[in-house]
Amino acid sequence: MGRASDGKLLNIRKAILMKNKHEKYERLLERCKSLSPTPTAVAHPCDKTSIQGAIEAAELGLLTPILVGPREKVRWVAINGKDWVSNTPWELSNHLTLS
């Protein structure tokens, strides 16, 4: 085979692997729906990505986040992220505990 064919074959293999990974992830999430959320410590969630991940996991019913870190810094990040928190079906302060 030529180089172009090798590249196309590699891209097809990558696409199949990614599809399988997503299917496994979706099956895992589906299985977890029947379980109660697990209280989970989220260490030093002082950036948007960390807090957003905890919120998304809580929305999926996977966990009940317990944010552990500098109280004022975590609160500042959460308050300033209201644009991505505003669509949640619950109040941030009622579901996330600052320790």
Protein backbone atom coordinates (compact mmCIF):
# COMPACT_ATOMS: atom_id res chain seq x y z
CA MET A 1 0.00 0.00 0.00
CA GLY A 2 1.05 3.58 -0.56
CA ARG A 3 1.39 6.23 2.11
CA ALA A 4 -1.99 7.80 1.34
CA SER A 5 -3.75 4.45 1.80
CA ASP A 6 -1.88 3.85 5.06
CA GLY A 7 -3.02 7.24 6.34
CA LYS A 8 -6.66 6.59 5.45
CA LEU A 9 -6.54 3.17 7.10
CA LEU A 10 -5.04 4.68 10.24
CA ASN A 11 -7.79 7.34 10.35
CA ILE A 12 -10.49 4.67 9.99
CA ARG A 13 -8.96 2.64 12.83
CA LYS A 14 -8.81 5.74 15.04
CA ALA A 15 -12.46 6.53 14.30
CA ILE A 16 -13.54 3.00 15.21
CA LEU A 17 -11.54 3.08 18.46
CA MET A 18 -13.05 6.44 19.44
CA LYS A 19 -16.57 5.20 18.71
CA ASN A 20 -15.96 2.13 20.91
CA LYS A 21 -14.59 4.29 23.73
CA HIS A 22 -17.65 6.56 23.60
CA GLU A 23 -19.98 3.55 23.61
CA LYS A 24 -18.23 2.13 26.68
CA TYR A 25 -18.50 5.50 28.43
CA GLU A 26 -22.20 5.77 27.59
CA ARG A 27 -22.84 2.22 28.89
CA LEU A 28 -21.02 3.07 32.12
CA LEU A 29 -23.10 6.22 32.60
CA GLU A 30 -26.29 4.25 31.93
CA ARG A 31 -25.34 1.64 34.57
CA CYS A 32 -24.60 4.38 37.10
CA LYS A 33 -28.08 5.90 36.75
CA SER A 34 -29.49 3.14 38.96
CA LEU A 35 -27.01 3.93 41.75
CA SER A 36 -27.19 6.65 44.39
CA PRO A 37 -24.80 9.58 43.98
CA THR A 38 -21.58 9.04 45.91
CA PRO A 39 -20.30 11.82 48.17
CA THR A 40 -16.97 12.72 46.56
CA ALA A 41 -14.27 15.15 47.62
CA VAL A 42 -13.11 17.43 44.82
CA ALA A 43 -9.68 18.68 45.87
CA HIS A 44 -8.74 22.31 45.22
CA PRO A 45 -11.40 23.11 42.60
CA CYS A 46 -10.08 26.61 42.02
CA ASP A 47 -10.68 26.82 38.29
CA LYS A 48 -13.72 26.75 36.04
CA THR A 49 -12.95 23.29 34.64
CA SER A 50 -12.74 21.65 38.07
CA ILE A 51 -15.99 23.12 39.36
CA GLN A 52 -17.77 22.55 36.04
CA GLY A 53 -16.72 18.88 36.09
CA ALA A 54 -18.12 18.47 39.60
CA ILE A 55 -21.38 20.16 38.56
CA GLU A 56 -21.74 18.02 35.44
CA ALA A 57 -21.10 14.83 37.43
CA ALA A 58 -23.71 15.94 39.98
CA GLU A 59 -26.21 16.70 37.22
CA LEU A 60 -25.68 13.17 35.88
CA GLY A 61 -26.38 11.85 39.37
CA LEU A 62 -22.94 10.29 39.64
CA LEU A 63 -21.76 12.09 42.75
CA THR A 64 -22.50 14.63 45.42
CA PRO A 65 -19.48 16.93 45.27
CA ILE A 66 -17.73 18.13 48.39
CA LEU A 67 -15.46 20.98 47.37
CA VAL A 68 -12.28 21.04 49.45
CA GLY A 69 -10.05 24.07 49.09
CA PRO A 70 -9.65 27.73 49.99
CA ARG A 71 -13.24 28.77 50.66
CA GLU A 72 -13.08 32.29 49.21
CA LYS A 73 -11.20 31.27 46.06
CA VAL A 74 -13.61 28.39 45.32
CA ARG A 75 -16.58 30.67 45.97
CA TRP A 76 -15.12 33.37 43.65
CA VAL A 77 -14.65 30.87 40.81
CA ALA A 78 -18.19 29.52 41.29
CA ILE A 79 -19.78 32.98 41.43
CA ASN A 80 -17.87 34.19 38.37
CA GLY A 81 -18.94 31.09 36.47
CA LYS A 82 -22.64 31.88 36.76
CA ASP A 83 -22.97 31.87 32.96
CA TRP A 84 -22.26 28.13 32.89
CA VAL A 85 -23.94 27.38 36.22
CA SER A 86 -27.20 29.24 35.49
CA ASN A 87 -28.73 26.39 33.49
CA THR A 88 -28.43 23.86 36.31
CA PRO A 89 -31.73 22.70 37.83
CA TRP A 90 -30.52 23.43 41.38
CA GLU A 91 -28.82 26.12 43.37
CA LEU A 92 -25.07 25.80 43.60
CA SER A 93 -24.99 26.62 47.30
CA ASN A 94 -27.56 23.92 48.13
CA HIS A 95 -25.64 21.10 46.54
CA LEU A 96 -21.96 21.81 46.93
CA THR A 97 -20.36 21.90 50.35
CA LEU A 98 -17.33 24.07 51.00
CA SER A 99 -15.04 22.56 53.61
